[in-house]
Amino acid sequence: MTTLRELSMKHKGIMKKNIRPRCTITDPYEKFWPLLDLEKSQLLVDEMEKTISKENGKLKVNWFTVKKLPLDIRKCEIKNLSNTHKNNISLNLKAQRSVLKMGINEVSRCVEKDQIACCLIAEDVANCMIAKHLLFMTAAKKIPVLILPDMQCITKRIIGFSSAVLGLKSDVINRTEISLHNLYQTIIKLSNEFRNPYIKQIGMRELKSIEIPSRVNVNIDNYLLKKPREGRAFVPEETSNIQSLIDLSFIPIEKMVVEKQQHFELEEKLFEIPITTDLFSIDTKPTSIEDIGESVERKTKEFRKPLVRYHGLKIKKIKPNPKRKPKEKENS
C-alpha cells in the first residue's frame, strides 16, 4: 500500500518530465512580448480606421455575359476591364501602397534592408516561428513593434483582406502630409511603454591573415633527382668528383670519369655507366666487381606442411520426417 507522500512524489516526477525549456537556447535576447491591452488596442484600431483606406480588391467580371462572347472578343474585354480596374485607384491609395507593407515575408525583407520604421504583428500568429523571428529582428534593430490582438479580423474589415503583419516604411517619417503619419506616431507612443530588450552582444574579434612567402630550400648535393620537387633540376657543366654511387636517387646524365679513387681493403675500380633510355634495364655482362671471386650462398627453408589443417564450417540441414503423425486435435 502506497502512502500519500509516495503518491505526491510520483506526481511531481511526472510533472517534471512534462516541463520543457522553450525558447531558451535559440532565443539570444531577453523575453520581449509587447502585447497591447483592450484599451490601448481599441485606441490603435480607431486610428487605423481613420488613416488606412480600403483596397479596391480583385477584379470582378460578370461571367454570365462574358462567356457568350467569342474567345478573341472575350480576351480583349477582360484586358480592358483589368486596365480600368488598375487605373481607377485614388491618390491616397497609391501613397498608402508606397508606404504600407503587408505580410510576413515582405515586412521581414524590408526589416533586413533597414527600410521599416514601425511594425504590427497579430497575436494569434506571434507564436509562429517566422513571426517570432520577425519580432526578434525588430527588437535587435530597435524598431518599435507591437502585438495587436485579433488583428487578422481587424485588417479584413479595414483593408479588405486579412494580414498577419503590417509595417510602415521609413519614408513615412518625413512625409507628414500622408494620413499614415498619424498612425506611425501612435505606434511609437504605445511602444515607448514597452522596454526594448537588452541584446547579449558577443565580442567579435577581427581575424587578420598575414601572408608569409614560402621559401624553397634547394639541396645542392642532390642536384640530380628522379622527380625534382620545384622547377627544373640544376645540371652543372662539368662533374669532376662523385662522392658515392650507392645513392639510388642519383642518375648520371653523361659519362663520368672519377679522378680521385678511394682506397679500400680490396682495390675496387669504378666503372663507367653508359646512358640508356631505360633507367631500370639489367646489365647481363659481368663487371670487375663481380669477377673478384666472392660467392654468396643463399639457403632456402624447406616447406613443411602444417600439423593442423583448417576445415571450413559445415552446416547440416535436417529434413523433416515425412512419416511423422500429426497431433490429433481435441474435439471440443
C-alpha atoms as a PDB file:
ATOM      1  CA  MET A   1       0.000   0.000   0.000  1.00  0.00           C
ATOM      2  CA  THR A   2       1.450   3.343  -1.115  1.00  0.00           C
ATOM      3  CA  THR A   3       1.398   6.270   1.268  1.00  0.00           C
ATOM      4  CA  LEU A   4       0.219   9.802   0.475  1.00  0.00           C
ATOM      5  CA  ARG A   5       3.810  11.100   0.397  1.00  0.00           C
ATOM      6  CA  GLU A   6       4.864   8.496  -2.182  1.00  0.00           C
ATOM      7  CA  LEU A   7       1.901   9.385  -4.403  1.00  0.00           C
ATOM      8  CA  SER A   8       2.769  13.101  -4.240  1.00  0.00           C
ATOM      9  CA  MET A   9       6.422  12.383  -5.082  1.00  0.00           C
ATOM     10  CA  LYS A  10       5.356  10.253  -8.047  1.00  0.00           C
ATOM     11  CA  HIS A  11       3.064  13.042  -9.266  1.00  0.00           C
ATOM     12  CA  LYS A  12       5.898  15.577  -9.002  1.00  0.00           C
ATOM     13  CA  GLY A  13       8.153  13.324 -11.076  1.00  0.00           C
ATOM     14  CA  ILE A  14       5.547  13.118 -13.854  1.00  0.00           C
ATOM     15  CA  MET A  15       5.124  16.909 -13.815  1.00  0.00           C
ATOM     16  CA  LYS A  16       8.874  17.478 -14.054  1.00  0.00           C
ATOM     17  CA  LYS A  17       9.085  15.281 -17.152  1.00  0.00           C
ATOM     18  CA  ASN A  18       6.370  17.277 -18.923  1.00  0.00           C
ATOM     19  CA  ILE A  19       8.046  20.653 -18.256  1.00  0.00           C
ATOM     20  CA  ARG A  20      10.333  21.519 -21.186  1.00  0.00           C
ATOM     21  CA  PRO A  21      12.537  24.594 -21.635  1.00  0.00           C
ATOM     22  CA  ARG A  22      11.142  26.549 -24.562  1.00  0.00           C
ATOM     23  CA  CYS A  23      12.811  29.429 -26.398  1.00  0.00           C
ATOM     24  CA  THR A  24      15.794  29.439 -24.047  1.00  0.00           C
ATOM     25  CA  ILE A  25      18.558  28.079 -26.270  1.00  0.00           C
ATOM     26  CA  THR A  26      17.525  29.509 -29.643  1.00  0.00           C
ATOM     27  CA  ASP A  27      16.498  32.942 -28.285  1.00  0.00           C
ATOM     28  CA  PRO A  28      19.627  35.091 -27.738  1.00  0.00           C
ATOM     29  CA  TYR A  29      17.613  38.039 -26.378  1.00  0.00           C
ATOM     30  CA  GLU A  30      15.570  38.648 -23.255  1.00  0.00           C
ATOM     31  CA  LYS A  31      11.862  37.883 -23.236  1.00  0.00           C
ATOM     32  CA  PHE A  32      10.031  40.564 -25.205  1.00  0.00           C
ATOM     33  CA  TRP A  33       6.263  40.433 -25.609  1.00  0.00           C
ATOM     34  CA  PRO A  34       4.762  43.903 -26.349  1.00  0.00           C
ATOM     35  CA  LEU A  35       1.098  42.817 -26.204  1.00  0.00           C
ATOM     36  CA  LEU A  36      -1.476  45.622 -26.049  1.00  0.00           C
ATOM     37  CA  ASP A  37      -4.363  45.530 -23.610  1.00  0.00           C
ATOM     38  CA  LEU A  38      -8.006  46.144 -24.614  1.00  0.00           C
ATOM     39  CA  GLU A  39      -7.954  49.914 -24.032  1.00  0.00           C
ATOM     40  CA  LYS A  40      -4.758  50.590 -25.982  1.00  0.00           C
ATOM     41  CA  SER A  41      -5.675  48.156 -28.750  1.00  0.00           C
ATOM     42  CA  GLN A  42      -9.012  49.954 -29.215  1.00  0.00           C
ATOM     43  CA  LEU A  43      -7.151  53.271 -29.467  1.00  0.00           C
ATOM     44  CA  LEU A  44      -4.877  51.818 -32.142  1.00  0.00           C
ATOM     45  CA  VAL A  45      -7.799  50.279 -34.087  1.00  0.00           C
ATOM     46  CA  ASP A  46      -9.608  53.635 -34.148  1.00  0.00           C
ATOM     47  CA  GLU A  47      -6.508  55.297 -35.564  1.00  0.00           C
ATOM     48  CA  MET A  48      -6.165  52.532 -38.184  1.00  0.00           C
ATOM     49  CA  GLU A  49      -9.765  53.061 -39.317  1.00  0.00           C
ATOM     50  CA  LYS A  50      -9.082  56.790 -39.794  1.00  0.00           C
ATOM     51  CA  THR A  51      -5.749  56.515 -41.612  1.00  0.00           C
ATOM     52  CA  ILE A  52      -5.827  53.251 -43.643  1.00  0.00           C
ATOM     53  CA  SER A  53      -8.019  53.292 -46.752  1.00  0.00           C
ATOM     54  CA  LYS A  54      -9.660  50.176 -48.187  1.00  0.00           C
ATOM     55  CA  GLU A  55      -8.085  48.400 -51.149  1.00  0.00           C
ATOM     56  CA  ASN A  56     -10.010  48.145 -54.416  1.00  0.00           C
ATOM     57  CA  GLY A  57      -9.837  44.361 -54.191  1.00  0.00           C
ATOM     58  CA  LYS A  58      -9.812  41.819 -57.000  1.00  0.00           C
ATOM     59  CA  LEU A  59     -11.298  42.321 -60.448  1.00  0.00           C
ATOM     60  CA  LYS A  60     -14.889  41.091 -60.606  1.00  0.00           C
ATOM     61  CA  VAL A  61     -16.184  40.019 -64.020  1.00  0.00           C
ATOM     62  CA  ASN A  62     -19.756  39.032 -64.869  1.00  0.00           C
ATOM     63  CA  TRP A  63     -19.080  35.648 -66.475  1.00  0.00           C
ATOM     64  CA  PHE A  64     -22.745  35.152 -67.323  1.00  0.00           C
ATOM     65  CA  THR A  65     -22.462  37.816 -70.046  1.00  0.00           C
ATOM     66  CA  VAL A  66     -18.781  37.332 -70.966  1.00  0.00           C
ATOM     67  CA  LYS A  67     -18.964  33.568 -71.629  1.00  0.00           C
ATOM     68  CA  LYS A  68     -21.381  34.131 -74.533  1.00  0.00           C
ATOM     69  CA  LEU A  69     -18.806  36.236 -76.421  1.00  0.00           C
ATOM     70  CA  PRO A  70     -16.229  34.699 -78.806  1.00  0.00           C
ATOM     71  CA  LEU A  71     -12.750  33.924 -77.484  1.00  0.00           C
ATOM     72  CA  ASP A  72     -10.907  36.866 -79.118  1.00  0.00           C
ATOM     73  CA  ILE A  73     -13.526  39.415 -78.052  1.00  0.00           C
ATOM     74  CA  ARG A  74     -13.630  37.882 -74.552  1.00  0.00           C
ATOM     75  CA  LYS A  75      -9.837  38.285 -74.110  1.00  0.00           C
ATOM     76  CA  CYS A  76      -9.990  41.944 -75.222  1.00  0.00           C
ATOM     77  CA  GLU A  77     -12.939  42.614 -72.903  1.00  0.00           C
ATOM     78  CA  ILE A  78     -11.160  41.123 -69.861  1.00  0.00           C
ATOM     79  CA  LYS A  79      -7.967  43.054 -70.701  1.00  0.00           C
ATOM     80  CA  ASN A  80      -9.885  46.358 -70.902  1.00  0.00           C
ATOM     81  CA  LEU A  81     -11.640  45.635 -67.604  1.00  0.00           C
ATOM     82  CA  SER A  82      -8.322  44.885 -65.852  1.00  0.00           C
ATOM     83  CA  ASN A  83      -6.752  48.107 -67.193  1.00  0.00           C
ATOM     84  CA  THR A  84      -9.679  50.204 -65.991  1.00  0.00           C
ATOM     85  CA  HIS A  85      -9.557  48.423 -62.620  1.00  0.00           C
ATOM     86  CA  LYS A  86      -5.848  49.273 -62.223  1.00  0.00           C
ATOM     87  CA  ASN A  87      -6.286  52.895 -63.339  1.00  0.00           C
ATOM     88  CA  ASN A  88      -9.238  53.589 -61.032  1.00  0.00           C
ATOM     89  CA  ILE A  89      -7.014  53.987 -57.974  1.00  0.00           C
ATOM     90  CA  SER A  90      -7.158  57.085 -55.792  1.00  0.00           C
ATOM     91  CA  LEU A  91      -4.088  59.144 -54.904  1.00  0.00           C
ATOM     92  CA  ASN A  92      -4.424  58.227 -51.223  1.00  0.00           C
ATOM     93  CA  LEU A  93      -4.370  54.520 -52.108  1.00  0.00           C
ATOM     94  CA  LYS A  94      -1.248  54.963 -54.270  1.00  0.00           C
ATOM     95  CA  ALA A  95       0.500  56.799 -51.430  1.00  0.00           C
ATOM     96  CA  GLN A  96      -0.603  54.075 -48.997  1.00  0.00           C
ATOM     97  CA  ARG A  97       0.795  51.280 -51.188  1.00  0.00           C
ATOM     98  CA  SER A  98       4.192  53.007 -51.360  1.00  0.00           C
ATOM     99  CA  VAL A  99       4.433  53.240 -47.551  1.00  0.00           C
ATOM    100  CA  LEU A 100       2.332  50.400 -46.058  1.00  0.00           C
ATOM    101  CA  LYS A 101       3.786  46.871 -46.362  1.00  0.00           C
ATOM    102  CA  MET A 102       1.724  43.747 -45.588  1.00  0.00           C
ATOM    103  CA  GLY A 103       2.663  40.111 -44.995  1.00  0.00           C
ATOM    104  CA  ILE A 104       5.416  38.370 -43.019  1.00  0.00           C
ATOM    105  CA  ASN A 105       7.750  37.823 -45.976  1.00  0.00           C
ATOM    106  CA  GLU A 106       7.558  41.366 -47.353  1.00  0.00           C
ATOM    107  CA  VAL A 107       7.941  43.047 -43.957  1.00  0.00           C
ATOM    108  CA  SER A 108      10.866  40.802 -42.932  1.00  0.00           C
ATOM    109  CA  ARG A 109      12.563  41.569 -46.263  1.00  0.00           C
ATOM    110  CA  CYS A 110      12.202  45.311 -45.574  1.00  0.00           C
ATOM    111  CA  VAL A 111      13.487  44.857 -42.000  1.00  0.00           C
ATOM    112  CA  GLU A 112      16.644  43.176 -43.323  1.00  0.00           C
ATOM    113  CA  LYS A 113      17.192  46.157 -45.662  1.00  0.00           C
ATOM    114  CA  ASP A 114      16.554  48.681 -42.814  1.00  0.00           C
ATOM    115  CA  GLN A 115      13.509  50.163 -44.560  1.00  0.00           C
ATOM    116  CA  ILE A 116      10.881  49.726 -41.791  1.00  0.00           C
ATOM    117  CA  ALA A 117      10.036  52.453 -39.256  1.00  0.00           C
ATOM    118  CA  CYS A 118       7.477  50.514 -37.140  1.00  0.00           C
ATOM    119  CA  CYS A 119       5.675  47.171 -37.202  1.00  0.00           C
ATOM    120  CA  LEU A 120       2.427  45.479 -36.053  1.00  0.00           C
ATOM    121  CA  ILE A 121       2.124  41.702 -35.517  1.00  0.00           C
ATOM    122  CA  ALA A 122      -1.052  39.669 -34.922  1.00  0.00           C
ATOM    123  CA  GLU A 123      -1.367  37.883 -31.575  1.00  0.00           C
ATOM    124  CA  ASP A 124      -2.576  34.532 -32.959  1.00  0.00           C
ATOM    125  CA  VAL A 125       0.425  34.344 -35.334  1.00  0.00           C
ATOM    126  CA  ALA A 126       3.012  35.692 -32.889  1.00  0.00           C
ATOM    127  CA  ASN A 127       3.734  32.149 -31.581  1.00  0.00           C
ATOM    128  CA  CYS A 128       4.632  31.050 -35.110  1.00  0.00           C
ATOM    129  CA  MET A 129       8.388  30.618 -35.589  1.00  0.00           C
ATOM    130  CA  ILE A 130       8.587  33.000 -38.569  1.00  0.00           C
ATOM    131  CA  ALA A 131       6.589  35.736 -36.821  1.00  0.00           C
ATOM    132  CA  LYS A 132       8.667  35.260 -33.650  1.00  0.00           C
ATOM    133  CA  HIS A 133      11.819  35.575 -35.726  1.00  0.00           C
ATOM    134  CA  LEU A 134      10.452  38.862 -37.124  1.00  0.00           C
ATOM    135  CA  LEU A 135       9.772  40.047 -33.564  1.00  0.00           C
ATOM    136  CA  PHE A 136      13.374  39.302 -32.550  1.00  0.00           C
ATOM    137  CA  MET A 137      14.728  41.014 -35.675  1.00  0.00           C
ATOM    138  CA  THR A 138      12.803  44.215 -34.975  1.00  0.00           C
ATOM    139  CA  ALA A 139      13.895  44.123 -31.322  1.00  0.00           C
ATOM    140  CA  ALA A 140      17.538  43.662 -32.327  1.00  0.00           C
ATOM    141  CA  LYS A 141      17.399  46.620 -34.727  1.00  0.00           C
ATOM    142  CA  LYS A 142      15.446  48.721 -32.156  1.00  0.00           C
ATOM    143  CA  ILE A 143      12.393  49.126 -34.387  1.00  0.00           C
ATOM    144  CA  PRO A 144       9.148  49.905 -32.474  1.00  0.00           C
ATOM    145  CA  VAL A 145       6.904  46.813 -32.651  1.00  0.00           C
ATOM    146  CA  LEU A 146       3.508  45.954 -31.109  1.00  0.00           C
ATOM    147  CA  ILE A 147       1.383  42.794 -30.873  1.00  0.00           C
ATOM    148  CA  LEU A 148      -2.264  43.524 -31.634  1.00  0.00           C
ATOM    149  CA  PRO A 149      -4.944  41.013 -30.530  1.00  0.00           C
ATOM    150  CA  ASP A 150      -7.476  39.880 -33.166  1.00  0.00           C
ATOM    151  CA  MET A 151      -5.524  41.718 -35.863  1.00  0.00           C
ATOM    152  CA  GLN A 152      -6.476  39.496 -38.803  1.00  0.00           C
ATOM    153  CA  CYS A 153     -10.203  40.221 -38.384  1.00  0.00           C
ATOM    154  CA  ILE A 154      -9.470  43.951 -37.994  1.00  0.00           C
ATOM    155  CA  THR A 155      -7.367  44.102 -41.188  1.00  0.00           C
ATOM    156  CA  LYS A 156     -10.011  42.162 -43.131  1.00  0.00           C
ATOM    157  CA  ARG A 157     -12.626  44.700 -42.062  1.00  0.00           C
ATOM    158  CA  ILE A 158     -10.489  47.807 -42.687  1.00  0.00           C
ATOM    159  CA  ILE A 159      -8.275  46.862 -45.679  1.00  0.00           C
ATOM    160  CA  GLY A 160     -10.424  44.203 -47.337  1.00  0.00           C
ATOM    161  CA  PHE A 161      -8.255  41.127 -46.676  1.00  0.00           C
ATOM    162  CA  SER A 162      -6.580  39.693 -43.586  1.00  0.00           C
ATOM    163  CA  SER A 163      -2.893  40.244 -42.878  1.00  0.00           C
ATOM    164  CA  ALA A 164      -0.742  38.860 -40.052  1.00  0.00           C
ATOM    165  CA  VAL A 165       1.894  41.629 -40.158  1.00  0.00           C
ATOM    166  CA  LEU A 166       1.765  45.332 -41.067  1.00  0.00           C
ATOM    167  CA  GLY A 167       4.818  47.529 -41.481  1.00  0.00           C
ATOM    168  CA  LEU A 168       5.327  51.226 -42.235  1.00  0.00           C
ATOM    169  CA  LYS A 169       8.365  52.160 -44.299  1.00  0.00           C
ATOM    170  CA  SER A 170      10.866  54.747 -43.101  1.00  0.00           C
ATOM    171  CA  ASP A 171       9.584  57.232 -45.755  1.00  0.00           C
ATOM    172  CA  VAL A 172       6.546  57.898 -43.550  1.00  0.00           C
ATOM    173  CA  ILE A 173       8.711  59.837 -41.047  1.00  0.00           C
ATOM    174  CA  ASN A 174       9.394  62.738 -43.421  1.00  0.00           C
ATOM    175  CA  ARG A 175       6.067  62.653 -45.326  1.00  0.00           C
ATOM    176  CA  THR A 176       3.812  64.428 -42.853  1.00  0.00           C
ATOM    177  CA  GLU A 177       1.058  65.064 -45.411  1.00  0.00           C
ATOM    178  CA  ILE A 178       0.155  61.347 -45.536  1.00  0.00           C
ATOM    179  CA  SER A 179      -2.569  60.131 -43.172  1.00  0.00           C
ATOM    180  CA  LEU A 180      -0.400  57.153 -42.142  1.00  0.00           C
ATOM    181  CA  HIS A 181       1.998  59.568 -40.390  1.00  0.00           C
ATOM    182  CA  ASN A 182      -0.518  59.850 -37.522  1.00  0.00           C
ATOM    183  CA  LEU A 183      -0.642  56.042 -37.255  1.00  0.00           C
ATOM    184  CA  TYR A 184       3.164  55.986 -37.063  1.00  0.00           C
ATOM    185  CA  GLN A 185       3.140  58.476 -34.170  1.00  0.00           C
ATOM    186  CA  THR A 186       0.536  56.455 -32.212  1.00  0.00           C
ATOM    187  CA  ILE A 187       2.526  53.211 -32.666  1.00  0.00           C
ATOM    188  CA  ILE A 188       5.689  54.908 -31.367  1.00  0.00           C
ATOM    189  CA  LYS A 189       3.769  56.409 -28.435  1.00  0.00           C
ATOM    190  CA  LEU A 190       2.391  52.991 -27.415  1.00  0.00           C
ATOM    191  CA  SER A 191       5.684  51.153 -27.997  1.00  0.00           C
ATOM    192  CA  ASN A 192       7.600  53.509 -25.672  1.00  0.00           C
ATOM    193  CA  GLU A 193       5.805  51.895 -22.722  1.00  0.00           C
ATOM    194  CA  PHE A 194       7.495  48.548 -23.508  1.00  0.00           C
ATOM    195  CA  ARG A 195      11.188  48.326 -22.694  1.00  0.00           C
ATOM    196  CA  ASN A 196      13.366  47.272 -25.591  1.00  0.00           C
ATOM    197  CA  PRO A 197      15.204  44.033 -24.665  1.00  0.00           C
ATOM    198  CA  TYR A 198      18.894  44.075 -23.903  1.00  0.00           C
ATOM    199  CA  ILE A 199      20.856  42.341 -26.639  1.00  0.00           C
ATOM    200  CA  LYS A 200      23.504  39.937 -25.424  1.00  0.00           C
ATOM    201  CA  GLN A 201      26.384  41.031 -27.586  1.00  0.00           C
ATOM    202  CA  ILE A 202      29.275  38.685 -28.239  1.00  0.00           C
ATOM    203  CA  GLY A 203      32.700  40.259 -28.590  1.00  0.00           C
ATOM    204  CA  MET A 204      33.723  39.779 -32.198  1.00  0.00           C
ATOM    205  CA  ARG A 205      37.426  39.572 -32.952  1.00  0.00           C
ATOM    206  CA  GLU A 206      38.896  40.753 -36.205  1.00  0.00           C
ATOM    207  CA  LEU A 207      40.712  37.935 -37.939  1.00  0.00           C
ATOM    208  CA  LYS A 208      43.733  39.202 -39.869  1.00  0.00           C
ATOM    209  CA  SER A 209      45.630  36.806 -42.096  1.00  0.00           C
ATOM    210  CA  ILE A 210      49.295  37.618 -42.736  1.00  0.00           C
ATOM    211  CA  GLU A 211      50.757  36.150 -45.910  1.00  0.00           C
ATOM    212  CA  ILE A 212      54.230  34.692 -45.329  1.00  0.00           C
ATOM    213  CA  PRO A 213      56.110  33.904 -48.559  1.00  0.00           C
ATOM    214  CA  SER A 214      57.174  30.277 -48.696  1.00  0.00           C
ATOM    215  CA  ARG A 215      60.901  29.624 -49.045  1.00  0.00           C
ATOM    216  CA  VAL A 216      62.180  26.748 -51.152  1.00  0.00           C
ATOM    217  CA  ASN A 217      65.261  25.072 -49.680  1.00  0.00           C
ATOM    218  CA  VAL A 218      67.322  23.710 -52.579  1.00  0.00           C
ATOM    219  CA  ASN A 219      69.669  20.848 -51.689  1.00  0.00           C
ATOM    220  CA  ILE A 220      72.851  21.427 -53.698  1.00  0.00           C
ATOM    221  CA  ASP A 221      74.331  17.955 -53.061  1.00  0.00           C
ATOM    222  CA  ASN A 222      71.416  16.099 -54.636  1.00  0.00           C
ATOM    223  CA  TYR A 223      71.016  18.270 -57.688  1.00  0.00           C
ATOM    224  CA  LEU A 224      70.003  15.407 -59.980  1.00  0.00           C
ATOM    225  CA  LEU A 225      66.820  13.745 -58.736  1.00  0.00           C
ATOM    226  CA  LYS A 226      64.364  11.410 -60.412  1.00  0.00           C
ATOM    227  CA  LYS A 227      61.425  13.715 -59.614  1.00  0.00           C
ATOM    228  CA  PRO A 228      62.542  17.297 -58.812  1.00  0.00           C
ATOM    229  CA  ARG A 229      60.169  18.999 -56.357  1.00  0.00           C
ATOM    230  CA  GLU A 230      60.294  22.591 -57.624  1.00  0.00           C
ATOM    231  CA  GLY A 231      61.072  23.571 -61.194  1.00  0.00           C
ATOM    232  CA  ARG A 232      63.867  22.068 -63.212  1.00  0.00           C
ATOM    233  CA  ALA A 233      66.855  20.352 -61.588  1.00  0.00           C
ATOM    234  CA  PHE A 234      70.196  22.154 -61.681  1.00  0.00           C
ATOM    235  CA  VAL A 235      72.678  20.480 -64.038  1.00  0.00           C
ATOM    236  CA  PRO A 236      76.361  21.548 -63.728  1.00  0.00           C
ATOM    237  CA  GLU A 237      78.595  21.930 -66.790  1.00  0.00           C
ATOM    238  CA  GLU A 238      81.388  19.526 -65.702  1.00  0.00           C
ATOM    239  CA  THR A 239      81.358  16.902 -62.999  1.00  0.00           C
ATOM    240  CA  SER A 240      84.827  16.179 -61.622  1.00  0.00           C
ATOM    241  CA  ASN A 241      84.174  14.132 -58.497  1.00  0.00           C
ATOM    242  CA  ILE A 242      81.388  11.845 -57.281  1.00  0.00           C
ATOM    243  CA  GLN A 243      81.221  11.076 -53.574  1.00  0.00           C
ATOM    244  CA  SER A 244      79.215   7.849 -53.791  1.00  0.00           C
ATOM    245  CA  LEU A 245      77.492   5.811 -56.451  1.00  0.00           C
ATOM    246  CA  ILE A 246      75.392   3.875 -53.912  1.00  0.00           C
ATOM    247  CA  ASP A 247      72.795   6.670 -53.717  1.00  0.00           C
ATOM    248  CA  LEU A 248      69.804   5.464 -55.741  1.00  0.00           C
ATOM    249  CA  SER A 249      68.423   8.989 -56.195  1.00  0.00           C
ATOM    250  CA  PHE A 250      71.430   9.883 -58.356  1.00  0.00           C
ATOM    251  CA  ILE A 251      71.004   9.497 -62.121  1.00  0.00           C
ATOM    252  CA  PRO A 252      74.113  10.101 -64.265  1.00  0.00           C
ATOM    253  CA  ILE A 253      73.473  12.152 -67.402  1.00  0.00           C
ATOM    254  CA  GLU A 254      76.874  11.894 -69.142  1.00  0.00           C
ATOM    255  CA  LYS A 255      79.843   9.506 -68.957  1.00  0.00           C
ATOM    256  CA  MET A 256      81.508  10.489 -65.704  1.00  0.00           C
ATOM    257  CA  VAL A 257      85.188   9.795 -65.056  1.00  0.00           C
ATOM    258  CA  VAL A 258      86.390   9.646 -61.481  1.00  0.00           C
ATOM    259  CA  GLU A 259      89.770  11.281 -60.892  1.00  0.00           C
ATOM    260  CA  LYS A 260      90.208  10.600 -57.207  1.00  0.00           C
ATOM    261  CA  GLN A 261      89.552   6.986 -56.281  1.00  0.00           C
ATOM    262  CA  GLN A 262      89.002   5.864 -52.715  1.00  0.00           C
ATOM    263  CA  HIS A 263      91.326   3.101 -51.398  1.00  0.00           C
ATOM    264  CA  PHE A 264      89.616   0.208 -49.670  1.00  0.00           C
ATOM    265  CA  GLU A 265      90.942  -3.130 -48.387  1.00  0.00           C
ATOM    266  CA  LEU A 266      90.129  -4.652 -51.782  1.00  0.00           C
ATOM    267  CA  GLU A 267      91.063  -2.454 -54.694  1.00  0.00           C
ATOM    268  CA  GLU A 268      87.827  -1.524 -56.387  1.00  0.00           C
ATOM    269  CA  LYS A 269      87.730   0.154 -59.768  1.00  0.00           C
ATOM    270  CA  LEU A 270      84.740   2.349 -60.531  1.00  0.00           C
ATOM    271  CA  PHE A 271      83.333   1.705 -63.933  1.00  0.00           C
ATOM    272  CA  GLU A 272      81.607   3.911 -66.435  1.00  0.00           C
ATOM    273  CA  ILE A 273      77.838   3.724 -66.677  1.00  0.00           C
ATOM    274  CA  PRO A 274      76.552   4.123 -70.231  1.00  0.00           C
ATOM    275  CA  ILE A 275      73.487   6.212 -70.995  1.00  0.00           C
ATOM    276  CA  THR A 276      70.411   4.112 -71.693  1.00  0.00           C
ATOM    277  CA  THR A 277      66.844   5.043 -72.415  1.00  0.00           C
ATOM    278  CA  ASP A 278      65.548   2.584 -69.824  1.00  0.00           C
ATOM    279  CA  LEU A 279      66.772   3.518 -66.344  1.00  0.00           C
ATOM    280  CA  PHE A 280      65.768   0.163 -64.901  1.00  0.00           C
ATOM    281  CA  SER A 281      67.482  -2.079 -67.507  1.00  0.00           C
ATOM    282  CA  ILE A 282      69.530  -5.054 -66.230  1.00  0.00           C
ATOM    283  CA  ASP A 283      73.164  -5.396 -67.330  1.00  0.00           C
ATOM    284  CA  THR A 284      73.997  -9.054 -68.029  1.00  0.00           C
ATOM    285  CA  LYS A 285      77.746  -8.532 -68.698  1.00  0.00           C
ATOM    286  CA  PRO A 286      79.992  -9.288 -65.718  1.00  0.00           C
ATOM    287  CA  THR A 287      81.984  -6.386 -64.333  1.00  0.00           C
ATOM    288  CA  SER A 288      85.287  -6.164 -62.484  1.00  0.00           C
ATOM    289  CA  ILE A 289      83.423  -6.060 -59.151  1.00  0.00           C
ATOM    290  CA  GLU A 290      81.698  -9.363 -59.908  1.00  0.00           C
ATOM    291  CA  ASP A 291      84.990 -11.079 -61.027  1.00  0.00           C
ATOM    292  CA  ILE A 292      86.586 -10.787 -57.564  1.00  0.00           C
ATOM    293  CA  GLY A 293      85.590 -14.381 -56.814  1.00  0.00           C
ATOM    294  CA  GLU A 294      83.376 -13.873 -53.815  1.00  0.00           C
ATOM    295  CA  SER A 295      80.421 -16.248 -53.937  1.00  0.00           C
ATOM    296  CA  VAL A 296      77.333 -15.760 -51.795  1.00  0.00           C
ATOM    297  CA  GLU A 297      75.303 -18.840 -50.891  1.00  0.00           C
ATOM    298  CA  ARG A 298      71.612 -18.443 -50.190  1.00  0.00           C
ATOM    299  CA  LYS A 299      69.824 -21.058 -48.148  1.00  0.00           C
ATOM    300  CA  THR A 300      66.104 -21.532 -48.538  1.00  0.00           C
ATOM    301  CA  LYS A 301      63.967 -23.129 -45.870  1.00  0.00           C
ATOM    302  CA  GLU A 302      62.164 -26.301 -46.761  1.00  0.00           C
ATOM    303  CA  PHE A 303      58.406 -26.074 -46.902  1.00  0.00           C
ATOM    304  CA  ARG A 304      56.752 -28.060 -44.154  1.00  0.00           C
ATOM    305  CA  LYS A 305      53.132 -28.953 -44.115  1.00  0.00           C
ATOM    306  CA  PRO A 306      51.188 -27.624 -41.129  1.00  0.00           C
ATOM    307  CA  LEU A 307      50.320 -30.148 -38.469  1.00  0.00           C
ATOM    308  CA  VAL A 308      46.736 -28.940 -38.067  1.00  0.00           C
ATOM    309  CA  ARG A 309      44.682 -28.313 -41.162  1.00  0.00           C
ATOM    310  CA  TYR A 310      41.765 -25.895 -41.129  1.00  0.00           C
ATOM    311  CA  HIS A 311      38.405 -27.310 -42.186  1.00  0.00           C
ATOM    312  CA  GLY A 312      35.576 -24.987 -43.105  1.00  0.00           C
ATOM    313  CA  LEU A 313      32.386 -24.901 -41.088  1.00  0.00           C
ATOM    314  CA  LYS A 314      29.733 -27.277 -42.391  1.00  0.00           C
ATOM    315  CA  ILE A 315      26.065 -26.865 -41.576  1.00  0.00           C
ATOM    316  CA  LYS A 316      23.807 -29.853 -41.970  1.00  0.00           C
ATOM    317  CA  LYS A 317      20.210 -29.250 -42.874  1.00  0.00           C
ATOM    318  CA  ILE A 318      17.890 -31.852 -41.399  1.00  0.00           C
ATOM    319  CA  LYS A 319      14.800 -32.654 -43.405  1.00  0.00           C
ATOM    320  CA  PRO A 320      11.534 -33.097 -41.506  1.00  0.00           C
ATOM    321  CA  ASN A 321      10.247 -36.623 -41.044  1.00  0.00           C
ATOM    322  CA  PRO A 322       7.523 -37.266 -43.646  1.00  0.00           C
ATOM    323  CA  LYS A 323       6.201 -40.293 -41.699  1.00  0.00           C
ATOM    324  CA  ARG A 324       5.547 -38.245 -38.590  1.00  0.00           C
ATOM    325  CA  LYS A 325       1.966 -38.471 -37.425  1.00  0.00           C
ATOM    326  CA  PRO A 326       0.292 -35.092 -36.879  1.00  0.00           C
ATOM    327  CA  LYS A 327      -1.073 -34.257 -33.481  1.00  0.00           C
ATOM    328  CA  GLU A 328      -4.737 -35.023 -33.125  1.00  0.00           C
ATOM    329  CA  LYS A 329      -6.903 -32.010 -32.346  1.00  0.00           C
ATOM    330  CA  GLU A 330      -9.124 -32.328 -29.338  1.00  0.00           C
ATOM    331  CA  ASN A 331     -12.782 -32.081 -30.222  1.00  0.00           C
ATOM    332  CA  SER A 332     -14.423 -29.530 -28.009  1.00  0.00           C
END
